[in-house]
Amino acid sequence: MTTSFSTVLAEKKLIDQMKAGDPVAFGKIYDHYSQAIYGKLRKFVKISAVADEMLQDVFLKVWENRHTLDSNYSLKPWLYRVTENEIYKFYRKVALDVKLQTHILQTFDELYTHTEEDYYLKESRKLLQDAMTDMPPRCREVFELCRLQGKSYEEAALQLDISISTVSNHLVRATAIVRKTLFQSTDMAMIVVTAYMVYR
């Protein structure tokens, strides 16, 4: 059940009490904001268990950082920044963690129909294509060879007549562009499938 703050002073008082270590005040703040924060998380994260865990992480940070809060200001903007940081951190972890990608993709097998899977695969390919469009020509060539065709750095360097270090530099740049495109998407399923296609 959501707790309502009747006035700004009521929130200020609760923040001051929480800063003093009052768990009851913290509980009231949690009750007031948790539903809105959870709604924001679910907009970006489609798996409820993941969103639940992230919600707890957000409010754990509230408690751990309570001494730094200024009760003269509303807690809402700070909470939303923490939430956005948690979402970004999770997306970044998904993009880099093959085991996590596999686990979430297995979960998708249970949550989504084959029609939805086809949709995500098609849209993920489009997302990846959009990212590649933003790459310089040689950077895109290196990305296609190493990430999509599975060639080694040495093979790509030989085929393109460039050094291995140049291949590495192009891949770093290409990967940054892909990540930027991924994190602009609001659909976690799309992000995971695209990340899986790139980093598998």
N, C-alpha and C. Protein backbone atom coordinates (compact mmCIF):
# COMPACT_ATOMS: atom_id res chain seq x y z
N MET A 1 0.85 -1.20 0.00
CA MET A 1 0.00 0.00 0.00
C MET A 1 0.88 1.25 0.00
N THR A 2 0.54 2.24 -0.82
CA THR A 2 1.36 3.44 -0.95
C THR A 2 1.03 4.43 0.16
N THR A 3 2.07 4.92 0.81
CA THR A 3 1.91 5.94 1.84
C THR A 3 2.00 7.31 1.18
N SER A 4 1.06 8.21 1.49
CA SER A 4 1.05 9.54 0.88
C SER A 4 1.66 10.55 1.84
N PHE A 5 2.46 11.46 1.29
CA PHE A 5 3.00 12.56 2.08
C PHE A 5 2.04 13.74 1.91
N SER A 6 1.47 14.21 3.00
CA SER A 6 0.49 15.30 2.90
C SER A 6 1.16 16.62 2.58
N THR A 7 2.39 16.80 3.02
CA THR A 7 3.10 18.06 2.77
C THR A 7 4.57 17.78 2.52
N VAL A 8 5.24 18.80 2.00
CA VAL A 8 6.69 18.71 1.81
C VAL A 8 7.37 18.55 3.17
N LEU A 9 6.81 19.20 4.18
CA LEU A 9 7.38 19.11 5.53
C LEU A 9 7.32 17.68 6.07
N ALA A 10 6.27 16.96 5.68
CA ALA A 10 6.15 15.57 6.13
C ALA A 10 7.29 14.73 5.57
N GLU A 11 7.62 14.94 4.29
CA GLU A 11 8.73 14.20 3.69
C GLU A 11 10.05 14.62 4.33
N LYS A 12 10.21 15.91 4.55
CA LYS A 12 11.44 16.42 5.18
C LYS A 12 11.64 15.77 6.55
N LYS A 13 10.56 15.66 7.31
CA LYS A 13 10.65 15.06 8.64
C LYS A 13 11.05 13.59 8.54
N LEU A 14 10.46 12.88 7.58
CA LEU A 14 10.79 11.46 7.42
C LEU A 14 12.24 11.27 7.00
N ILE A 15 12.72 12.14 6.11
CA ILE A 15 14.12 12.04 5.68
C ILE A 15 15.05 12.28 6.86
N ASP A 16 14.74 13.28 7.67
CA ASP A 16 15.57 13.56 8.85
C ASP A 16 15.55 12.38 9.82
N GLN A 17 14.38 11.79 9.99
CA GLN A 17 14.28 10.63 10.89
C GLN A 17 15.06 9.44 10.33
N MET A 18 14.96 9.24 9.01
CA MET A 18 15.70 8.15 8.39
C MET A 18 17.20 8.37 8.52
N LYS A 19 17.64 9.61 8.33
CA LYS A 19 19.06 9.93 8.47
C LYS A 19 19.56 9.62 9.88
N ALA A 20 18.65 9.72 10.85
CA ALA A 20 19.01 9.42 12.23
C ALA A 20 18.97 7.92 12.52
N GLY A 21 18.60 7.14 11.49
CA GLY A 21 18.61 5.68 11.64
C GLY A 21 17.27 5.07 11.97
N ASP A 22 16.19 5.80 11.74
CA ASP A 22 14.85 5.30 12.07
C ASP A 22 14.34 4.39 10.94
N PRO A 23 14.21 3.07 11.19
CA PRO A 23 13.74 2.16 10.15
C PRO A 23 12.27 2.35 9.79
N VAL A 24 11.48 2.86 10.73
CA VAL A 24 10.07 3.10 10.45
C VAL A 24 9.92 4.21 9.41
N ALA A 25 10.71 5.26 9.55
CA ALA A 25 10.69 6.36 8.57
C ALA A 25 11.13 5.84 7.21
N PHE A 26 12.16 5.01 7.21
CA PHE A 26 12.62 4.41 5.95
C PHE A 26 11.50 3.59 5.31
N GLY A 27 10.78 2.83 6.12
CA GLY A 27 9.68 2.02 5.61
C GLY A 27 8.58 2.86 4.98
N LYS A 28 8.30 4.02 5.58
CA LYS A 28 7.27 4.90 5.02
C LYS A 28 7.73 5.50 3.69
N ILE A 29 9.01 5.83 3.61
CA ILE A 29 9.56 6.34 2.34
C ILE A 29 9.50 5.25 1.28
N TYR A 30 9.84 4.04 1.67
CA TYR A 30 9.77 2.90 0.74
C TYR A 30 8.33 2.73 0.24
N ASP A 31 7.38 2.74 1.16
CA ASP A 31 5.97 2.56 0.78
C ASP A 31 5.50 3.65 -0.17
N HIS A 32 6.00 4.86 0.04
CA HIS A 32 5.56 5.99 -0.77
C HIS A 32 6.11 5.93 -2.20
N TYR A 33 7.37 5.55 -2.34
CA TYR A 33 8.03 5.64 -3.64
C TYR A 33 8.18 4.31 -4.39
N SER A 34 8.07 3.19 -3.71
CA SER A 34 8.43 1.92 -4.33
C SER A 34 7.57 1.57 -5.54
N GLN A 35 6.29 1.89 -5.50
CA GLN A 35 5.42 1.54 -6.62
C GLN A 35 5.83 2.29 -7.89
N ALA A 36 6.13 3.58 -7.76
CA ALA A 36 6.54 4.37 -8.92
C ALA A 36 7.90 3.90 -9.45
N ILE A 37 8.81 3.60 -8.54
CA ILE A 37 10.14 3.13 -8.95
C ILE A 37 10.02 1.78 -9.64
N TYR A 38 9.19 0.91 -9.09
CA TYR A 38 9.01 -0.41 -9.69
C TYR A 38 8.40 -0.29 -11.09
N GLY A 39 7.46 0.64 -11.24
CA GLY A 39 6.86 0.85 -12.56
C GLY A 39 7.89 1.30 -13.58
N LYS A 40 8.81 2.15 -13.16
CA LYS A 40 9.87 2.61 -14.06
C LYS A 40 10.80 1.45 -14.42
N LEU A 41 11.12 0.63 -13.43
CA LEU A 41 11.98 -0.53 -13.68
C LEU A 41 11.33 -1.50 -14.66
N ARG A 42 10.04 -1.77 -14.48
CA ARG A 42 9.36 -2.73 -15.34
C ARG A 42 9.20 -2.21 -16.77
N LYS A 43 9.22 -0.90 -16.92
CA LYS A 43 9.17 -0.32 -18.26
C LYS A 43 10.41 -0.70 -19.06
N PHE A 44 11.54 -0.82 -18.35
CA PHE A 44 12.80 -1.13 -19.01
C PHE A 44 13.21 -2.59 -18.85
N VAL A 45 12.73 -3.23 -17.79
CA VAL A 45 13.13 -4.61 -17.49
C VAL A 45 11.88 -5.47 -17.46
N LYS A 46 11.76 -6.40 -18.40
CA LYS A 46 10.52 -7.14 -18.56
C LYS A 46 10.40 -8.35 -17.64
N ILE A 47 11.48 -8.75 -17.01
CA ILE A 47 11.44 -9.92 -16.13
C ILE A 47 11.21 -9.44 -14.70
N SER A 48 10.10 -9.85 -14.11
CA SER A 48 9.70 -9.32 -12.80
C SER A 48 10.73 -9.63 -11.72
N ALA A 49 11.32 -10.83 -11.75
CA ALA A 49 12.29 -11.20 -10.72
C ALA A 49 13.50 -10.27 -10.74
N VAL A 50 13.92 -9.88 -11.95
CA VAL A 50 15.06 -8.95 -12.08
C VAL A 50 14.66 -7.58 -11.57
N ALA A 51 13.47 -7.12 -11.94
CA ALA A 51 12.99 -5.81 -11.49
C ALA A 51 12.85 -5.78 -9.97
N ASP A 52 12.37 -6.88 -9.39
CA ASP A 52 12.24 -6.96 -7.93
C ASP A 52 13.58 -6.77 -7.25
N GLU A 53 14.59 -7.46 -7.77
CA GLU A 53 15.93 -7.37 -7.18
C GLU A 53 16.50 -5.97 -7.33
N MET A 54 16.27 -5.36 -8.50
CA MET A 54 16.78 -4.01 -8.73
C MET A 54 16.09 -3.00 -7.82
N LEU A 55 14.80 -3.21 -7.55
CA LEU A 55 14.07 -2.33 -6.64
C LEU A 55 14.71 -2.37 -5.25
N GLN A 56 15.04 -3.56 -4.79
CA GLN A 56 15.69 -3.68 -3.48
C GLN A 56 17.06 -3.01 -3.48
N ASP A 57 17.77 -3.12 -4.60
CA ASP A 57 19.09 -2.48 -4.70
C ASP A 57 18.97 -0.96 -4.63
N VAL A 58 17.92 -0.42 -5.27
CA VAL A 58 17.71 1.03 -5.24
C VAL A 58 17.51 1.51 -3.81
N PHE A 59 16.64 0.82 -3.07
CA PHE A 59 16.34 1.28 -1.72
C PHE A 59 17.44 0.91 -0.73
N LEU A 60 18.22 -0.08 -1.06
CA LEU A 60 19.41 -0.35 -0.25
C LEU A 60 20.37 0.84 -0.33
N LYS A 61 20.48 1.41 -1.53
CA LYS A 61 21.33 2.59 -1.71
C LYS A 61 20.77 3.79 -0.95
N VAL A 62 19.44 3.88 -0.88
CA VAL A 62 18.82 4.95 -0.10
C VAL A 62 19.27 4.85 1.36
N TRP A 63 19.16 3.65 1.90
CA TRP A 63 19.52 3.45 3.31
C TRP A 63 21.02 3.66 3.54
N GLU A 64 21.84 3.11 2.65
CA GLU A 64 23.28 3.22 2.82
C GLU A 64 23.77 4.66 2.67
N ASN A 65 23.05 5.46 1.88
CA ASN A 65 23.48 6.84 1.62
C ASN A 65 22.60 7.86 2.34
N ARG A 66 21.83 7.41 3.33
CA ARG A 66 20.88 8.30 4.00
C ARG A 66 21.55 9.51 4.63
N HIS A 67 22.80 9.35 5.10
CA HIS A 67 23.48 10.46 5.77
C HIS A 67 23.84 11.58 4.80
N THR A 68 23.87 11.28 3.50
CA THR A 68 24.25 12.30 2.51
C THR A 68 23.04 13.05 1.95
N LEU A 69 21.84 12.61 2.30
CA LEU A 69 20.63 13.22 1.75
C LEU A 69 20.35 14.57 2.40
N ASP A 70 19.81 15.47 1.60
CA ASP A 70 19.44 16.80 2.09
C ASP A 70 17.92 16.86 2.18
N SER A 71 17.42 16.95 3.39
CA SER A 71 15.97 16.92 3.59
C SER A 71 15.27 18.18 3.09
N ASN A 72 16.03 19.17 2.67
CA ASN A 72 15.43 20.39 2.11
C ASN A 72 14.97 20.18 0.67
N TYR A 73 15.35 19.04 0.10
CA TYR A 73 14.98 18.74 -1.28
C TYR A 73 14.19 17.43 -1.34
N SER A 74 13.30 17.35 -2.31
CA SER A 74 12.52 16.13 -2.50
C SER A 74 13.44 14.96 -2.83
N LEU A 75 13.08 13.80 -2.33
CA LEU A 75 13.87 12.60 -2.57
C LEU A 75 13.65 12.05 -3.99
N LYS A 76 12.55 12.42 -4.61
CA LYS A 76 12.16 11.82 -5.89
C LYS A 76 13.21 11.95 -6.99
N PRO A 77 13.77 13.14 -7.28
CA PRO A 77 14.78 13.24 -8.35
C PRO A 77 16.00 12.37 -8.08
N TRP A 78 16.44 12.34 -6.84
CA TRP A 78 17.60 11.52 -6.48
C TRP A 78 17.29 10.05 -6.67
N LEU A 79 16.12 9.63 -6.24
CA LEU A 79 15.70 8.24 -6.40
C LEU A 79 15.66 7.82 -7.86
N TYR A 80 15.16 8.71 -8.71
CA TYR A 80 15.06 8.39 -10.13
C TYR A 80 16.44 8.30 -10.77
N ARG A 81 17.37 9.13 -10.33
CA ARG A 81 18.74 9.03 -10.85
C ARG A 81 19.37 7.70 -10.45
N VAL A 82 19.17 7.30 -9.20
CA VAL A 82 19.69 6.01 -8.74
C VAL A 82 19.08 4.88 -9.55
N THR A 83 17.78 4.96 -9.80
CA THR A 83 17.08 3.94 -10.58
C THR A 83 17.63 3.85 -12.00
N GLU A 84 17.81 5.00 -12.63
CA GLU A 84 18.36 5.02 -13.99
C GLU A 84 19.78 4.46 -14.02
N ASN A 85 20.56 4.75 -13.00
CA ASN A 85 21.92 4.20 -12.94
C ASN A 85 21.90 2.69 -12.80
N GLU A 86 20.95 2.18 -12.01
CA GLU A 86 20.83 0.73 -11.84
C GLU A 86 20.43 0.06 -13.15
N ILE A 87 19.53 0.68 -13.89
CA ILE A 87 19.10 0.14 -15.18
C ILE A 87 20.27 0.12 -16.15
N TYR A 88 21.00 1.23 -16.22
CA TYR A 88 22.15 1.32 -17.12
C TYR A 88 23.20 0.27 -16.74
N LYS A 89 23.45 0.14 -15.45
CA LYS A 89 24.45 -0.83 -14.99
C LYS A 89 24.05 -2.25 -15.36
N PHE A 90 22.76 -2.54 -15.23
CA PHE A 90 22.30 -3.88 -15.58
C PHE A 90 22.42 -4.14 -17.07
N TYR A 91 22.05 -3.17 -17.90
CA TYR A 91 22.18 -3.34 -19.35
C TYR A 91 23.63 -3.57 -19.74
N ARG A 92 24.52 -2.82 -19.11
CA ARG A 92 25.94 -2.96 -19.41
C ARG A 92 26.42 -4.35 -19.01
N LYS A 93 25.95 -4.85 -17.88
CA LYS A 93 26.33 -6.18 -17.43
C LYS A 93 25.81 -7.24 -18.38
N VAL A 94 24.57 -7.06 -18.85
CA VAL A 94 23.99 -8.01 -19.81
C VAL A 94 24.82 -8.05 -21.09
N ALA A 95 25.21 -6.87 -21.56
CA ALA A 95 25.95 -6.80 -22.82
C ALA A 95 27.31 -7.46 -22.74
N LEU A 96 27.86 -7.57 -21.53
CA LEU A 96 29.22 -8.10 -21.38
C LEU A 96 29.28 -9.50 -20.79
N ASP A 97 28.19 -9.95 -20.20
CA ASP A 97 28.19 -11.23 -19.47
C ASP A 97 27.46 -12.29 -20.29
N VAL A 98 28.22 -13.18 -20.90
CA VAL A 98 27.64 -14.21 -21.77
C VAL A 98 26.74 -15.14 -20.96
N LYS A 99 27.15 -15.51 -19.75
CA LYS A 99 26.34 -16.40 -18.93
C LYS A 99 25.01 -15.76 -18.58
N LEU A 100 25.04 -14.47 -18.28
CA LEU A 100 23.80 -13.76 -17.96
C LEU A 100 22.90 -13.67 -19.18
N GLN A 101 23.49 -13.42 -20.34
CA GLN A 101 22.71 -13.40 -21.57
C GLN A 101 22.00 -14.74 -21.77
N THR A 102 22.75 -15.82 -21.60
CA THR A 102 22.20 -17.16 -21.81
C THR A 102 21.07 -17.44 -20.83
N HIS A 103 21.28 -17.05 -19.57
CA HIS A 103 20.25 -17.27 -18.55
C HIS A 103 18.97 -16.52 -18.90
N ILE A 104 19.10 -15.27 -19.29
CA ILE A 104 17.92 -14.46 -19.60
C ILE A 104 17.25 -14.95 -20.87
N LEU A 105 18.04 -15.35 -21.85
CA LEU A 105 17.45 -15.89 -23.07
C LEU A 105 16.68 -17.18 -22.79
N GLN A 106 17.18 -17.99 -21.86
CA GLN A 106 16.45 -19.20 -21.48
C GLN A 106 15.14 -18.83 -20.80
N THR A 107 15.18 -17.76 -20.01
CA THR A 107 13.95 -17.28 -19.37
C THR A 107 12.96 -16.80 -20.41
N PHE A 108 13.48 -16.11 -21.45
CA PHE A 108 12.60 -15.65 -22.52
C PHE A 108 11.91 -16.82 -23.22
N ASP A 109 12.61 -17.96 -23.32
CA ASP A 109 12.01 -19.13 -23.94
C ASP A 109 10.73 -19.53 -23.22
N GLU A 110 10.70 -19.28 -21.90
CA GLU A 110 9.53 -19.63 -21.11
C GLU A 110 8.47 -18.54 -21.13
N LEU A 111 8.91 -17.28 -21.32
CA LEU A 111 7.98 -16.16 -21.22
C LEU A 111 7.35 -15.76 -22.54
N TYR A 112 8.05 -15.99 -23.65
CA TYR A 112 7.58 -15.48 -24.93
C TYR A 112 7.20 -16.61 -25.88
N THR A 113 6.23 -16.34 -26.73
CA THR A 113 5.83 -17.30 -27.74
C THR A 113 6.83 -17.26 -28.89
N HIS A 114 6.73 -18.23 -29.79
CA HIS A 114 7.63 -18.26 -30.95
C HIS A 114 7.43 -17.02 -31.82
N THR A 115 6.19 -16.56 -31.90
CA THR A 115 5.91 -15.35 -32.69
C THR A 115 6.65 -14.16 -32.10
N GLU A 116 6.62 -14.05 -30.78
CA GLU A 116 7.32 -12.95 -30.11
C GLU A 116 8.83 -13.10 -30.27
N GLU A 117 9.32 -14.34 -30.22
CA GLU A 117 10.75 -14.56 -30.40
C GLU A 117 11.18 -14.11 -31.79
N ASP A 118 10.37 -14.44 -32.80
CA ASP A 118 10.67 -14.01 -34.17
C ASP A 118 10.69 -12.49 -34.26
N TYR A 119 9.74 -11.87 -33.57
CA TYR A 119 9.68 -10.40 -33.57
C TYR A 119 10.95 -9.81 -32.97
N TYR A 120 11.36 -10.34 -31.81
CA TYR A 120 12.55 -9.81 -31.15
C TYR A 120 13.80 -10.04 -31.98
N LEU A 121 13.87 -11.19 -32.66
CA LEU A 121 15.03 -11.47 -33.49
C LEU A 121 15.10 -10.47 -34.65
N LYS A 122 13.96 -10.23 -35.29
CA LYS A 122 13.93 -9.28 -36.41
C LYS A 122 14.26 -7.87 -35.95
N GLU A 123 13.66 -7.46 -34.84
CA GLU A 123 13.90 -6.11 -34.34
C GLU A 123 15.32 -5.94 -33.84
N SER A 124 15.88 -7.01 -33.27
CA SER A 124 17.26 -6.95 -32.79
C SER A 124 18.23 -6.80 -33.95
N ARG A 125 17.95 -7.50 -35.04
CA ARG A 125 18.78 -7.35 -36.23
C ARG A 125 18.71 -5.92 -36.76
N LYS A 126 17.52 -5.34 -36.70
CA LYS A 126 17.36 -3.95 -37.13
C LYS A 126 18.14 -3.01 -36.21
N LEU A 127 18.08 -3.28 -34.90
CA LEU A 127 18.81 -2.47 -33.93
C LEU A 127 20.31 -2.54 -34.20
N LEU A 128 20.78 -3.74 -34.49
CA LEU A 128 22.20 -3.93 -34.79
C LEU A 128 22.57 -3.24 -36.09
N GLN A 129 21.69 -3.31 -37.08
CA GLN A 129 21.94 -2.65 -38.36
C GLN A 129 22.01 -1.13 -38.19
N ASP A 130 21.15 -0.60 -37.33
CA ASP A 130 21.17 0.84 -37.04
C ASP A 130 22.52 1.24 -36.44
N ALA A 131 23.02 0.41 -35.54
CA ALA A 131 24.31 0.70 -34.91
C ALA A 131 25.42 0.67 -35.95
N MET A 132 25.38 -0.31 -36.84
CA MET A 132 26.42 -0.45 -37.86
C MET A 132 26.40 0.71 -38.85
N THR A 133 25.21 1.28 -39.07
CA THR A 133 25.10 2.43 -39.97
C THR A 133 25.87 3.62 -39.42
N ASP A 134 25.97 3.70 -38.10
CA ASP A 134 26.68 4.81 -37.46
C ASP A 134 28.20 4.61 -37.43
N MET A 135 28.66 3.44 -37.85
CA MET A 135 30.10 3.16 -37.81
C MET A 135 30.79 3.68 -39.07
N PRO A 136 32.03 4.16 -38.95
CA PRO A 136 32.82 4.47 -40.15
C PRO A 136 33.01 3.20 -40.98
N PRO A 137 33.22 3.32 -42.30
CA PRO A 137 33.28 2.15 -43.18
C PRO A 137 34.25 1.06 -42.73
N ARG A 138 35.50 1.41 -42.43
CA ARG A 138 36.47 0.40 -42.06
C ARG A 138 36.12 -0.22 -40.70
N CYS A 139 35.62 0.59 -39.82
CA CYS A 139 35.18 0.12 -38.50
C CYS A 139 34.07 -0.92 -38.67
N ARG A 140 33.14 -0.64 -39.57
CA ARG A 140 32.03 -1.56 -39.84
C ARG A 140 32.54 -2.87 -40.44
N GLU A 141 33.52 -2.77 -41.33
CA GLU A 141 34.09 -3.98 -41.94
C GLU A 141 34.71 -4.88 -40.89
N VAL A 142 35.47 -4.28 -39.99
CA VAL A 142 36.12 -5.05 -38.93
C VAL A 142 35.07 -5.70 -38.03
N PHE A 143 34.03 -4.94 -37.70
CA PHE A 143 32.96 -5.46 -36.84
C PHE A 143 32.27 -6.65 -37.49
N GLU A 144 31.96 -6.53 -38.77
CA GLU A 144 31.30 -7.62 -39.49
C GLU A 144 32.16 -8.88 -39.51
N LEU A 145 33.45 -8.70 -39.77
CA LEU A 145 34.35 -9.85 -39.86
C LEU A 145 34.53 -10.54 -38.52
N CYS A 146 34.79 -9.75 -37.47
CA CYS A 146 35.13 -10.34 -36.17
C CYS A 146 33.92 -10.72 -35.34
N ARG A 147 32.89 -9.88 -35.34
CA ARG A 147 31.74 -10.14 -34.48
C ARG A 147 30.65 -10.95 -35.15
N LEU A 148 30.43 -10.71 -36.43
CA LEU A 148 29.32 -11.39 -37.10
C LEU A 148 29.76 -12.63 -37.86
N GLN A 149 30.98 -12.60 -38.42
CA GLN A 149 31.47 -13.76 -39.16
C GLN A 149 32.39 -14.65 -38.32
N GLY A 150 32.78 -14.16 -37.15
CA GLY A 150 33.58 -14.97 -36.24
C GLY A 150 35.04 -15.11 -36.60
N LYS A 151 35.56 -14.23 -37.43
CA LYS A 151 36.97 -14.30 -37.81
C LYS A 151 37.85 -13.79 -36.67
N SER A 152 39.06 -14.30 -36.61
CA SER A 152 40.01 -13.85 -35.59
C SER A 152 40.57 -12.48 -35.97
N TYR A 153 41.23 -11.84 -35.02
CA TYR A 153 41.86 -10.56 -35.30
C TYR A 153 42.89 -10.72 -36.43
N GLU A 154 43.63 -11.82 -36.37
CA GLU A 154 44.67 -12.05 -37.38
C GLU A 154 44.06 -12.21 -38.77
N GLU A 155 42.96 -12.96 -38.85
CA GLU A 155 42.30 -13.18 -40.14
C GLU A 155 41.74 -11.88 -40.70
N ALA A 156 41.14 -11.07 -39.82
CA ALA A 156 40.58 -9.79 -40.27
C ALA A 156 41.70 -8.85 -40.73
N ALA A 157 42.79 -8.84 -39.98
CA ALA A 157 43.92 -7.98 -40.34
C ALA A 157 44.49 -8.36 -41.70
N LEU A 158 44.61 -9.66 -41.94
CA LEU A 158 45.14 -10.15 -43.21
C LEU A 158 44.20 -9.81 -44.36
N GLN A 159 42.91 -10.01 -44.15
CA GLN A 159 41.94 -9.76 -45.21
C GLN A 159 41.85 -8.27 -45.57
N LEU A 160 41.96 -7.41 -44.56
CA LEU A 160 41.81 -5.97 -44.79
C LEU A 160 43.15 -5.26 -44.98
N ASP A 161 44.24 -6.03 -44.85
CA ASP A 161 45.59 -5.49 -45.02
C ASP A 161 45.86 -4.36 -44.02
N ILE A 162 45.53 -4.62 -42.76
CA ILE A 162 45.81 -3.67 -41.69
C ILE A 162 46.45 -4.44 -40.54
N SER A 163 46.97 -3.72 -39.56
CA SER A 163 47.63 -4.38 -38.43
C SER A 163 46.59 -4.93 -37.45
N ILE A 164 47.03 -5.87 -36.62
CA ILE A 164 46.15 -6.45 -35.61
C ILE A 164 45.72 -5.38 -34.60
N SER A 165 46.64 -4.48 -34.26
CA SER A 165 46.30 -3.42 -33.31
C SER A 165 45.23 -2.49 -33.89
N THR A 166 45.28 -2.28 -35.20
CA THR A 166 44.25 -1.45 -35.85
C THR A 166 42.90 -2.15 -35.81
N VAL A 167 42.91 -3.46 -36.01
CA VAL A 167 41.68 -4.24 -35.88
C VAL A 167 41.09 -4.07 -34.48
N SER A 168 41.96 -4.19 -33.48
CA SER A 168 41.52 -4.05 -32.09
C SER A 168 40.92 -2.67 -31.83
N ASN A 169 41.58 -1.64 -32.34
CA ASN A 169 41.08 -0.27 -32.14
C ASN A 169 39.71 -0.07 -32.79
N HIS A 170 39.55 -0.62 -33.99
CA HIS A 170 38.26 -0.50 -34.68
C HIS A 170 37.16 -1.23 -33.90
N LEU A 171 37.50 -2.38 -33.33
CA LEU A 171 36.50 -3.15 -32.58
C LEU A 171 36.08 -2.42 -31.31
N VAL A 172 37.04 -1.78 -30.66
CA VAL A 172 36.70 -1.00 -29.46
C VAL A 172 35.70 0.10 -29.82
N ARG A 173 35.97 0.78 -30.92
CA ARG A 173 35.08 1.86 -31.35
C ARG A 173 33.71 1.31 -31.76
N ALA A 174 33.72 0.21 -32.51
CA ALA A 174 32.46 -0.39 -32.97
C ALA A 174 31.61 -0.86 -31.79
N THR A 175 32.27 -1.49 -30.82
CA THR A 175 31.55 -1.99 -29.65
C THR A 175 30.91 -0.85 -28.86
N ALA A 176 31.61 0.27 -28.76
CA ALA A 176 31.07 1.44 -28.06
C ALA A 176 29.82 1.95 -28.77
N ILE A 177 29.83 1.93 -30.10
CA ILE A 177 28.67 2.39 -30.87
C ILE A 177 27.49 1.45 -30.68
N VAL A 178 27.77 0.14 -30.68
CA VAL A 178 26.71 -0.84 -30.47
C VAL A 178 26.09 -0.67 -29.09
N ARG A 179 26.93 -0.50 -28.07
CA ARG A 179 26.42 -0.34 -26.71
C ARG A 179 25.54 0.90 -26.61
N LYS A 180 25.98 1.98 -27.22
CA LYS A 180 25.20 3.22 -27.18
C LYS A 180 23.82 3.00 -27.78
N THR A 181 23.78 2.28 -28.90
CA THR A 181 22.51 1.99 -29.55
C THR A 181 21.64 1.09 -28.69
N LEU A 182 22.27 0.09 -28.07
CA LEU A 182 21.53 -0.83 -27.20
C LEU A 182 20.88 -0.09 -26.06
N PHE A 183 21.63 0.80 -25.42
CA PHE A 183 21.14 1.45 -24.22
C PHE A 183 20.10 2.52 -24.52
N GLN A 184 19.92 2.85 -25.80
CA GLN A 184 18.86 3.78 -26.19
C GLN A 184 17.53 3.06 -26.33
N SER A 185 17.59 1.73 -26.40
CA SER A 185 16.36 0.95 -26.48
C SER A 185 15.74 0.83 -25.10
N THR A 186 14.40 0.82 -25.04
CA THR A 186 13.72 0.69 -23.75
C THR A 186 13.24 -0.73 -23.50
N ASP A 187 13.57 -1.64 -24.41
CA ASP A 187 13.08 -3.01 -24.28
C ASP A 187 14.23 -3.94 -23.94
N MET A 188 14.21 -4.49 -22.75
CA MET A 188 15.31 -5.34 -22.31
C MET A 188 15.45 -6.57 -23.19
N ALA A 189 14.33 -7.13 -23.62
CA ALA A 189 14.40 -8.32 -24.46
C ALA A 189 15.20 -8.04 -25.72
N MET A 190 14.95 -6.87 -26.31
CA MET A 190 15.66 -6.48 -27.52
C MET A 190 17.15 -6.35 -27.24
N ILE A 191 17.47 -5.75 -26.11
CA ILE A 191 18.86 -5.53 -25.74
C ILE A 191 19.59 -6.85 -25.55
N VAL A 192 18.94 -7.77 -24.84
CA VAL A 192 19.59 -9.05 -24.56
C VAL A 192 19.82 -9.84 -25.84
N VAL A 193 18.80 -9.90 -26.70
CA VAL A 193 18.94 -10.67 -27.94
C VAL A 193 20.02 -10.06 -28.81
N THR A 194 20.05 -8.73 -28.92
CA THR A 194 21.07 -8.07 -29.73
C THR A 194 22.45 -8.30 -29.14
N ALA A 195 22.56 -8.17 -27.82
CA ALA A 195 23.85 -8.41 -27.16
C ALA A 195 24.30 -9.85 -27.39
N TYR A 196 23.36 -10.77 -27.34
CA TYR A 196 23.70 -12.18 -27.57
C TYR A 196 24.22 -12.38 -28.99
N MET A 197 23.59 -11.72 -29.96
CA MET A 197 24.01 -11.84 -31.36
C MET A 197 25.44 -11.31 -31.54
N VAL A 198 25.78 -10.26 -30.80
CA VAL A 198 27.08 -9.61 -30.97
C VAL A 198 28.18 -10.30 -30.18
N TYR A 199 27.87 -10.68 -28.93
CA TYR A 199 28.93 -11.13 -28.02
C TYR A 199 28.97 -12.64 -27.82
N ARG A 200 28.13 -13.40 -28.51
CA ARG A 200 28.09 -14.84 -28.29
C ARG A 200 29.40 -15.50 -28.72
